[in-house]
Protein backbone atom coordinates (compact mmCIF):
# COMPACT_ATOMS: atom_id res chain seq x y z
CA UNK A 1 -141.17 36.47 -29.90
CA UNK A 2 -142.61 35.36 -26.56
CA UNK A 3 -140.49 34.45 -23.61
CA UNK A 4 -141.47 30.81 -23.87
CA UNK A 5 -140.63 30.70 -27.58
CA UNK A 6 -137.19 32.12 -26.94
CA UNK A 7 -136.16 29.14 -24.92
CA UNK A 8 -134.97 31.41 -22.13
CA UNK A 9 -138.03 31.26 -19.89
CA UNK A 10 -137.39 31.62 -16.17
CA UNK A 11 -139.04 28.67 -14.40
CA UNK A 12 -140.11 28.65 -10.81
CA UNK A 13 -138.16 27.35 -7.82
CA UNK A 14 -139.14 23.85 -6.83
CA UNK A 15 -139.35 22.39 -3.31
CA UNK A 16 -135.67 21.68 -2.96
CA UNK A 17 -134.85 25.12 -4.29
CA UNK A 18 -137.15 26.80 -1.74
CA UNK A 19 -135.52 24.75 1.08
CA UNK A 20 -132.09 25.75 -0.10
CA UNK A 21 -133.05 29.40 -0.23
CA UNK A 22 -134.63 29.25 3.24
CA UNK A 23 -131.49 27.64 4.66
CA UNK A 24 -129.30 30.38 3.16
CA UNK A 25 -131.57 33.14 4.45
CA UNK A 26 -131.48 31.61 7.97
CA UNK A 27 -127.67 31.48 7.86
CA UNK A 28 -127.53 35.10 6.68
CA UNK A 29 -129.88 36.07 9.57
CA UNK A 30 -127.72 34.20 12.13
CA UNK A 31 -124.60 35.90 10.85
CA UNK A 32 -126.26 39.27 11.07
CA UNK A 33 -127.37 38.63 14.64
CA UNK A 34 -123.86 37.51 15.56
CA UNK A 35 -122.38 40.65 14.00
CA UNK A 36 -124.80 42.88 15.92
CA UNK A 37 -123.78 41.09 19.13
CA UNK A 38 -120.13 41.73 18.21
CA UNK A 39 -120.89 45.40 17.68
CA UNK A 40 -122.52 45.66 21.12
CA UNK A 41 -119.66 43.85 22.95
CA UNK A 42 -116.65 44.81 20.86
CA UNK A 43 -113.89 42.66 19.32
CA UNK A 44 -113.30 41.07 22.71
CA UNK A 45 -115.90 38.39 21.71
CA UNK A 46 -113.57 37.31 18.89
CA UNK A 47 -110.35 35.30 19.29
CA UNK A 48 -108.26 38.29 18.14
CA UNK A 49 -105.93 40.25 20.43
CA UNK A 50 -102.81 42.41 20.21
CA UNK A 51 -100.85 39.46 18.88
CA UNK A 52 -103.32 38.02 16.37
CA UNK A 53 -104.70 41.27 14.97
CA UNK A 54 -105.58 39.49 11.70
CA UNK A 55 -107.48 36.25 12.00
CA UNK A 56 -110.46 34.40 10.53
CA UNK A 57 -112.03 37.49 8.84
CA UNK A 58 -108.76 38.40 7.07
CA UNK A 59 -108.03 34.77 6.19
CA UNK A 60 -111.39 34.53 4.42
CA UNK A 61 -110.99 37.97 2.90
CA UNK A 62 -107.76 36.76 1.18
CA UNK A 63 -109.40 33.48 0.28
CA UNK A 64 -112.42 35.00 -1.41
CA UNK A 65 -110.45 37.69 -3.11
CA UNK A 66 -108.46 34.87 -4.69
CA UNK A 67 -111.58 33.00 -5.67
CA UNK A 68 -112.97 36.12 -7.28
CA UNK A 69 -109.78 37.09 -9.11
CA UNK A 70 -109.23 33.53 -10.40
CA UNK A 71 -112.79 33.23 -11.60
CA UNK A 72 -112.61 36.46 -13.51
CA UNK A 73 -109.28 35.59 -15.12
CA UNK A 74 -110.49 32.14 -16.19
CA UNK A 75 -113.67 33.63 -17.66
CA UNK A 76 -111.92 36.52 -19.47
CA UNK A 77 -108.99 34.83 -21.12
CA UNK A 78 -111.11 33.07 -23.75
CA UNK A 79 -112.96 36.31 -24.47
CA UNK A 80 -109.68 38.13 -24.84
CA UNK A 81 -108.44 35.55 -27.40
CA UNK A 82 -111.83 35.44 -29.25
CA UNK A 83 -112.40 31.76 -28.31
CA UNK A 84 -116.05 30.65 -28.18
CA UNK A 85 -115.15 27.24 -26.82
CA UNK A 86 -115.69 28.27 -23.23
CA UNK A 87 -118.61 30.72 -23.77
CA UNK A 88 -120.88 28.54 -21.67
CA UNK A 89 -118.62 29.22 -18.65
CA UNK A 90 -117.99 32.95 -19.11
CA UNK A 91 -121.11 34.41 -17.43
CA UNK A 92 -121.09 31.82 -14.71
CA UNK A 93 -117.47 32.64 -13.89
CA UNK A 94 -118.19 36.32 -13.72
CA UNK A 95 -121.30 35.69 -11.53
CA UNK A 96 -119.06 33.68 -9.14
CA UNK A 97 -116.43 36.38 -9.26
CA UNK A 98 -118.97 39.04 -8.30
CA UNK A 99 -120.47 36.96 -5.46
CA UNK A 100 -116.94 36.19 -4.08
CA UNK A 101 -115.81 39.81 -4.18
CA UNK A 102 -118.96 40.81 -2.26
CA UNK A 103 -118.11 38.22 0.37
CA UNK A 104 -114.51 39.40 0.51
CA UNK A 105 -115.50 43.05 0.87
CA UNK A 106 -117.98 42.32 3.56
CA UNK A 107 -115.37 40.34 5.56
CA UNK A 108 -113.47 43.60 6.14
CA UNK A 109 -116.34 45.25 8.09
CA UNK A 110 -116.47 42.90 11.11
CA UNK A 111 -112.65 42.81 11.22
CA UNK A 112 -112.53 46.59 11.63
CA UNK A 113 -114.79 46.46 14.70
CA UNK A 114 -116.78 49.57 13.91
CA UNK A 115 -118.19 50.08 10.37
CA UNK A 116 -117.52 53.82 10.75
CA UNK A 117 -113.86 53.14 10.34
CA UNK A 118 -114.48 52.52 6.62
CA UNK A 119 -114.89 56.22 6.12
CA UNK A 120 -111.22 56.71 6.91
CA UNK A 121 -110.29 55.04 3.61
CA UNK A 122 -112.27 57.77 1.82
CA UNK A 123 -111.85 60.89 3.97
CA UNK A 124 -108.19 60.55 4.96
CA UNK A 125 -106.50 57.86 2.86
CA UNK A 126 -102.79 57.21 3.40
CA UNK A 127 -101.63 56.22 -0.07
CA UNK A 128 -98.40 54.81 1.38
CA UNK A 129 -100.49 51.92 2.79
CA UNK A 130 -101.30 48.94 0.58
CA UNK A 131 -104.54 48.58 2.54
CA UNK A 132 -105.83 51.85 0.98
CA UNK A 133 -104.98 50.59 -2.52
CA UNK A 134 -106.61 47.24 -1.79
CA UNK A 135 -109.79 48.92 -0.53
CA UNK A 136 -110.01 51.05 -3.75
CA UNK A 137 -109.36 48.13 -6.05
CA UNK A 138 -111.98 45.98 -4.27
CA UNK A 139 -114.60 48.60 -4.79
CA UNK A 140 -113.69 49.25 -8.43
CA UNK A 141 -113.40 45.50 -9.08
CA UNK A 142 -116.79 44.81 -7.61
CA UNK A 143 -118.50 47.43 -9.70
CA UNK A 144 -116.69 46.30 -12.77
CA UNK A 145 -117.67 42.63 -12.23
CA UNK A 146 -121.33 43.63 -11.93
CA UNK A 147 -121.12 45.62 -15.16
CA UNK A 148 -119.16 42.85 -16.93
CA UNK A 149 -121.89 40.28 -15.94
CA UNK A 150 -124.55 42.56 -17.31
CA UNK A 151 -122.63 43.10 -20.57
CA UNK A 152 -122.36 39.32 -21.14
CA UNK A 153 -126.03 38.65 -20.48
CA UNK A 154 -128.00 41.83 -21.43
CA UNK A 155 -129.03 40.65 -24.90
CA UNK A 156 -130.45 37.42 -23.52
CA UNK A 157 -132.08 39.40 -20.71
CA UNK A 158 -133.74 41.57 -23.44
CA UNK A 159 -134.74 38.42 -25.27
CA UNK A 160 -136.47 37.22 -22.11
CA UNK A 161 -138.18 40.53 -21.60
CA UNK A 162 -136.39 41.02 -18.29
CA UNK A 163 -136.40 44.50 -16.75
CA UNK A 164 -132.70 43.87 -15.96
CA UNK A 165 -131.93 44.55 -19.62
CA UNK A 166 -132.58 48.24 -18.78
CA UNK A 167 -133.96 49.03 -22.22
CA UNK A 168 -131.33 47.19 -24.27
CA UNK A 169 -132.81 45.56 -27.39
CA UNK A 170 -131.87 42.02 -28.64
CA UNK A 171 -130.58 42.54 -32.16
CA UNK A 172 -127.88 40.73 -34.14
CA UNK A 173 -126.07 44.05 -34.63
CA UNK A 174 -126.20 44.56 -30.87
CA UNK A 175 -124.84 41.05 -30.19
CA UNK A 176 -121.95 41.58 -32.56
CA UNK A 177 -121.20 44.92 -30.84
CA UNK A 178 -121.28 43.22 -27.46
CA UNK A 179 -118.80 40.60 -28.58
CA UNK A 180 -116.35 43.36 -29.41
CA UNK A 181 -117.03 45.07 -26.06
CA UNK A 182 -116.51 41.74 -24.27
CA UNK A 183 -113.03 41.64 -25.76
CA UNK A 184 -112.20 45.03 -24.37
CA UNK A 185 -113.86 44.21 -21.08
CA UNK A 186 -111.68 41.07 -20.82
CA UNK A 187 -108.62 43.19 -21.61
CA UNK A 188 -109.40 45.30 -18.57
CA UNK A 189 -110.61 42.40 -16.38
CA UNK A 190 -107.40 40.32 -16.63
CA UNK A 191 -104.95 42.98 -15.36
CA UNK A 192 -107.52 44.28 -12.90
CA UNK A 193 -107.88 40.78 -11.34
CA UNK A 194 -104.12 40.39 -11.26
CA UNK A 195 -103.71 43.77 -9.67
CA UNK A 196 -106.41 42.93 -7.12
CA UNK A 197 -104.76 39.86 -5.76
CA UNK A 198 -101.22 41.14 -6.16
CA UNK A 199 -102.01 44.13 -3.96
CA UNK A 200 -103.63 41.72 -1.48
CA UNK A 201 -100.42 39.68 -1.45
CA UNK A 202 -98.25 42.84 -1.02
CA UNK A 203 -100.24 43.65 2.13
CA UNK A 204 -98.42 40.65 3.55
CA UNK A 205 -95.23 40.80 1.56
CA UNK A 206 -94.43 44.40 2.52
CA UNK A 207 -94.53 43.71 6.27
CA UNK A 208 -90.75 43.75 6.88
CA UNK A 209 -91.31 43.07 10.54
CA UNK A 210 -92.79 39.65 9.67
CA UNK A 211 -89.97 37.48 8.37
CA UNK A 212 -92.35 34.72 7.19
CA UNK A 213 -94.17 37.14 4.94
CA UNK A 214 -91.36 39.36 3.70
CA UNK A 215 -90.75 37.70 0.29
CA UNK A 216 -90.76 38.91 -3.32
CA UNK A 217 -92.72 35.79 -4.32
CA UNK A 218 -95.82 36.60 -2.25
CA UNK A 219 -97.61 38.26 -5.14
CA UNK A 220 -96.93 35.50 -7.72
CA UNK A 221 -97.97 32.94 -5.08
CA UNK A 222 -101.24 34.76 -4.61
CA UNK A 223 -101.94 34.85 -8.28
CA UNK A 224 -101.42 31.09 -8.57
CA UNK A 225 -103.64 30.58 -5.51
CA UNK A 226 -106.30 32.55 -7.31
CA UNK A 227 -106.03 30.56 -10.52
CA UNK A 228 -106.18 27.19 -8.66
CA UNK A 229 -109.08 28.13 -6.36
CA UNK A 230 -110.96 30.15 -8.99
CA UNK A 231 -110.89 27.37 -11.58
CA UNK A 232 -111.69 24.77 -8.93
CA UNK A 233 -114.75 26.73 -7.77
CA UNK A 234 -115.91 27.28 -11.32
CA UNK A 235 -115.67 23.53 -12.11
CA UNK A 236 -117.50 22.49 -8.97
CA UNK A 237 -120.26 25.10 -9.46
CA UNK A 238 -120.68 24.27 -13.14
CA UNK A 239 -121.09 20.55 -12.40
CA UNK A 240 -123.58 21.21 -9.65
CA UNK A 241 -125.49 23.69 -11.78
CA UNK A 242 -125.60 21.15 -14.61
CA UNK A 243 -127.04 18.58 -12.21
CA UNK A 244 -129.62 20.69 -10.38
CA UNK A 245 -130.51 23.55 -12.84
CA UNK A 246 -131.19 24.18 -16.52
CA UNK A 247 -127.54 25.16 -17.04
CA UNK A 248 -125.76 22.72 -19.34
CA UNK A 249 -122.02 22.06 -19.04
CA UNK A 250 -120.43 20.45 -22.15
CA UNK A 251 -119.08 17.14 -20.75
CA UNK A 252 -115.95 17.37 -22.96
CA UNK A 253 -114.91 20.56 -21.15
CA UNK A 254 -114.55 18.84 -17.78
CA UNK A 255 -111.34 16.83 -18.57
CA UNK A 256 -109.95 19.83 -20.52
CA UNK A 257 -110.39 22.16 -17.59
CA UNK A 258 -109.16 19.42 -15.24
CA UNK A 259 -105.88 19.34 -17.23
CA UNK A 260 -105.50 23.09 -16.85
CA UNK A 261 -106.25 22.82 -13.16
CA UNK A 262 -103.56 20.19 -12.84
CA UNK A 263 -100.97 22.52 -14.51
CA UNK A 264 -101.96 25.33 -12.17
CA UNK A 265 -101.58 23.10 -9.09
CA UNK A 266 -98.19 21.86 -10.30
CA UNK A 267 -96.90 25.36 -10.86
CA UNK A 268 -98.19 26.49 -7.48
CA UNK A 269 -97.31 23.59 -5.18
CA UNK A 270 -94.17 22.24 -6.96
CA UNK A 271 -92.45 25.19 -8.55
CA UNK A 272 -93.43 28.28 -6.50
CA UNK A 273 -93.25 26.60 -3.14
CA UNK A 274 -89.80 25.29 -4.09
CA UNK A 275 -88.70 28.70 -5.31
CA UNK A 276 -89.79 30.25 -2.03
CA UNK A 277 -88.57 27.65 0.48
CA UNK A 278 -85.31 26.43 -1.05
CA UNK A 279 -83.28 29.66 -0.76
CA UNK A 280 -84.46 30.08 2.87
CA UNK A 281 -83.45 26.48 3.72
CA UNK A 282 -80.10 26.90 1.97
CA UNK A 283 -79.33 30.14 3.79
CA UNK A 284 -80.15 28.72 7.22
CA UNK A 285 -78.44 25.32 6.93
CA UNK A 286 -75.24 24.00 5.46
CA UNK A 287 -75.64 20.22 5.73
CA UNK A 288 -77.38 18.32 2.96
CA UNK A 289 -80.06 16.70 5.14
CA UNK A 290 -80.70 19.87 7.08
CA UNK A 291 -81.30 21.72 3.81
CA UNK A 292 -83.52 18.91 2.46
CA UNK A 293 -85.59 18.58 5.61
CA UNK A 294 -86.13 22.28 5.96
CA UNK A 295 -87.09 22.45 2.29
CA UNK A 296 -89.42 19.40 2.03
CA UNK A 297 -90.79 18.84 5.53
CA UNK A 298 -93.55 21.16 6.76
CA UNK A 299 -93.70 22.61 10.26
CA UNK A 300 -97.48 22.39 10.92
CA UNK A 301 -100.63 20.50 10.03
CA UNK A 302 -101.74 23.46 7.98
CA UNK A 303 -98.73 23.02 5.68
CA UNK A 304 -99.52 19.33 5.11
CA UNK A 305 -103.19 20.02 4.35
CA UNK A 306 -102.15 22.69 1.93
CA UNK A 307 -99.45 20.81 0.07
CA UNK A 308 -100.59 17.20 0.31
CA UNK A 309 -104.37 17.28 0.59
CA UNK A 310 -104.67 20.38 -1.58
CA UNK A 311 -101.77 19.70 -3.88
CA UNK A 312 -100.34 16.16 -4.25
CA UNK A 313 -103.68 14.32 -4.08
CA UNK A 314 -105.60 16.41 -6.62
CA UNK A 315 -102.52 16.44 -8.90
CA UNK A 316 -102.43 12.65 -8.77
CA UNK A 317 -106.12 12.57 -9.81
CA UNK A 318 -105.62 14.95 -12.67
CA UNK A 319 -102.32 13.69 -14.11
CA UNK A 320 -103.74 10.31 -15.28
CA UNK A 321 -105.80 10.84 -18.47
CA UNK A 322 -108.16 7.91 -17.83
CA UNK A 323 -108.99 9.23 -14.35
CA UNK A 324 -109.25 12.81 -15.48
CA UNK A 325 -112.03 11.84 -17.92
CA UNK A 326 -114.32 11.04 -14.94
CA UNK A 327 -116.33 13.97 -13.61
CA UNK A 328 -116.13 12.79 -10.05
CA UNK A 329 -112.30 12.78 -10.20
CA UNK A 330 -112.17 16.36 -11.51
CA UNK A 331 -114.76 17.55 -8.94
CA UNK A 332 -112.91 15.76 -6.10
CA UNK A 333 -109.58 17.30 -7.23
CA UNK A 334 -111.18 20.76 -7.40
CA UNK A 335 -112.72 20.51 -3.93
CA UNK A 336 -109.40 19.32 -2.47
CA UNK A 337 -107.55 22.15 -4.27
CA UNK A 338 -109.91 24.72 -2.82
CA UNK A 339 -109.56 23.23 0.67
CA UNK A 340 -105.75 23.32 0.21
CA UNK A 341 -105.78 27.03 -0.77
CA UNK A 342 -107.93 27.81 2.27
CA UNK A 343 -105.42 26.12 4.57
CA UNK A 344 -102.58 27.90 2.81
CA UNK A 345 -104.17 31.16 3.96
CA UNK A 346 -104.47 29.77 7.53
CA UNK A 347 -100.81 28.65 7.35
CA UNK A 348 -99.80 32.09 6.06
CA UNK A 349 -101.48 33.99 8.93
CA UNK A 350 -100.36 31.58 11.63
CA UNK A 351 -96.71 31.58 10.59
CA UNK A 352 -96.78 35.33 10.61
CA UNK A 353 -98.24 35.73 14.04
CA UNK A 354 -97.22 32.65 16.01
CA UNK A 355 -93.63 33.65 16.17
CA UNK A 356 -93.40 37.09 17.78
CA UNK A 357 -90.81 39.72 17.07
CA UNK A 358 -90.10 39.97 20.83
CA UNK A 359 -89.05 36.57 22.03
CA UNK A 360 -87.66 37.59 25.44
CA UNK A 361 -89.76 37.53 28.58
CA UNK A 362 -92.28 38.92 29.26
CA UNK A 363 -92.95 39.31 25.54
CA UNK A 364 -95.89 41.45 24.47
CA UNK A 365 -99.29 42.11 26.02
CA UNK A 366 -102.26 40.23 24.58
CA UNK A 367 -104.60 43.11 25.27
CA UNK A 368 -106.97 40.84 27.12
CA UNK A 369 -108.23 41.26 30.64
CA UNK A 370 -106.10 40.01 33.54
CA UNK A 371 -107.71 37.08 35.32
CA UNK A 372 -105.51 37.27 38.41
CA UNK A 373 -103.73 33.95 37.69
CA UNK A 374 -100.04 34.44 36.78
CA UNK A 375 -98.92 36.83 34.09
CA UNK A 376 -101.60 35.94 31.61
CA UNK A 377 -101.61 39.35 29.96
CA UNK A 378 -98.11 38.69 28.53
CA UNK A 379 -97.03 36.19 25.93
CA UNK A 380 -93.98 35.31 23.83
CA UNK A 381 -95.90 32.90 21.51
CA UNK A 382 -99.04 33.86 19.58
CA UNK A 383 -102.14 31.68 19.87
CA UNK A 384 -105.56 32.00 18.17
CA UNK A 385 -108.80 30.05 18.04
CA UNK A 386 -111.85 31.46 16.28
CA UNK A 387 -114.91 31.96 18.52
CA UNK A 388 -118.48 30.91 17.72
CA UNK A 389 -119.29 34.55 17.00
CA UNK A 390 -116.56 34.84 14.37
CA UNK A 391 -117.69 31.54 12.78
CA UNK A 392 -121.35 32.68 12.67
CA UNK A 393 -120.52 36.03 11.16
CA UNK A 394 -118.31 34.36 8.57
CA UNK A 395 -120.85 31.65 7.68
CA UNK A 396 -123.52 34.28 7.34
CA UNK A 397 -121.47 36.36 4.89
CA UNK A 398 -120.56 33.28 2.83
CA UNK A 399 -124.24 32.28 2.80
CA UNK A 400 -125.05 35.72 1.33
CA UNK A 401 -122.53 34.96 -1.46
CA UNK A 402 -124.21 31.59 -2.12
CA UNK A 403 -127.55 33.44 -2.16
CA UNK A 404 -126.29 35.83 -4.83
CA UNK A 405 -125.17 32.92 -7.03
CA UNK A 406 -128.48 31.03 -6.49
CA UNK A 407 -130.60 34.12 -7.34
CA UNK A 408 -128.26 34.89 -10.29
CA UNK A 409 -128.83 31.40 -11.68
CA UNK A 410 -132.54 31.96 -11.31
CA UNK A 411 -132.92 35.43 -12.93
CA UNK A 412 -129.88 35.74 -15.19
CA UNK A 413 -129.45 33.72 -18.43
CA UNK A 414 -126.07 32.25 -17.63
CA UNK A 415 -126.37 29.94 -20.66
CA UNK A 416 -125.71 32.09 -23.77
CA UNK A 417 -128.54 31.98 -26.26
CA UNK A 418 -126.21 31.48 -29.20
CA UNK A 419 -124.59 28.38 -27.65
CA UNK A 420 -127.76 26.51 -26.71
CA UNK A 421 -127.03 23.96 -29.42
CA UNK A 422 -124.02 22.73 -27.46
CA UNK A 423 -126.30 21.67 -24.64
CA UNK A 424 -129.32 20.20 -26.40
CA UNK A 425 -130.50 16.78 -25.28
CA UNK A 426 -132.54 14.13 -27.03
CA UNK A 427 -135.56 15.28 -24.97
CA UNK A 428 -135.81 19.02 -24.55
CA UNK A 429 -136.35 20.59 -21.14
CA UNK A 430 -139.96 21.72 -20.76
CA UNK A 431 -141.52 24.50 -18.82
CA UNK A 432 -142.41 21.99 -16.14
CA UNK A 433 -138.72 21.45 -15.44
CA UNK A 434 -137.36 22.85 -12.25
CA UNK A 435 -135.84 26.24 -11.84
CA UNK A 436 -132.30 27.35 -11.69
CA UNK A 437 -131.12 27.48 -8.12
CA UNK A 438 -131.05 23.89 -7.03
CA UNK A 439 -134.29 22.10 -7.87
CA UNK A 440 -135.03 18.84 -9.62
CA UNK A 441 -135.45 18.62 -13.38
CA UNK A 442 -138.45 17.31 -15.17
CA UNK A 443 -138.13 13.53 -15.45
CA UNK A 444 -138.38 13.66 -19.27
CA UNK A 445 -135.57 16.21 -19.38
CA UNK A 446 -133.30 13.74 -17.67
CA UNK A 447 -134.32 11.02 -20.08
CA UNK A 448 -135.77 8.86 -17.27
């Protein structure tokens, strides 16, 4: 059977797709140049110091680990329970998971200052440190995600005649065997993803010197963050892929997944935040209003963006069935939820570093050069603002992740061959239609 007859032909990038690719490559190049500059000058070009030793890079590391773990869990649970209902999202979710873990892993490198320090995790690991365990799990998880994606798509790759099939043949017996292997892969993926983000949470939760982090609920909070952000990213990407590529998202799945997202947000923002904050408020205050205000009222703008913009508003959009049926409402709720999880990470880092363990004068040294004006090398309150260098490096790494997803949509058959019937339209997509990766469809394919 020819590639064209198989219905899995890889079309070419159109004009918009090429512009999108060029923009991503430019951003990756800018990030690389900024990182090289940071290497030449040292971490002094960042906003980090002795007080804020974890900042933007670690915030984004935690954020993208959560996106990756959540995406893998959401994609694997249906496979584990032998449900074909969400097959059209499985490979896309694993692709997103792989891209996000690559971004997360790369965020560690500029944070270390010198890439050579990575060798310490291998040559002289201290297994008492959760950082060592996190490094090992990130590496194993990344390799597993790549293999898992190949397992889910290799028969269709063989059907296309793609060299990425690596000699695998497309046979019905092979597809049946792969369905069984996908079950066992999912059985490994789910605990691996939970372990990945739990260990990341314990990096914070085991810091007994940081009162705002030392909590037994940090790991469960991190898992819920992963589920909210991972499902939100999957929904947004699936809707965009359906609009701009040959990928087809069954419209009936959008409100269903929106309902699940609403449940995740409610558990995260309403239950777990209450479970974490109420005992602290109760222990520190003995009057009713003092307890209530400490429990309900946030202490920074980051808290409000996290709980209101990223929690209450999307929950309001998703709780009403008539609104949840609208794609724009689910996408808006997903975007706001992702933004909220990002600011939760910012809130987490800032609450840990703003209040120092040494509150008496002169405090601690910032580690920055003395300017000759007052005692500006000492501080009793932490302060941090990311520099343009940090922002450029971070944007460049994120652009690399977006490039992985774009190229993946172009070369990997994300749409399973056996579920094409779920996405057929009145007028089939022709070879003249645009490519995966962000280009326009053929006018006839859109029914225009």
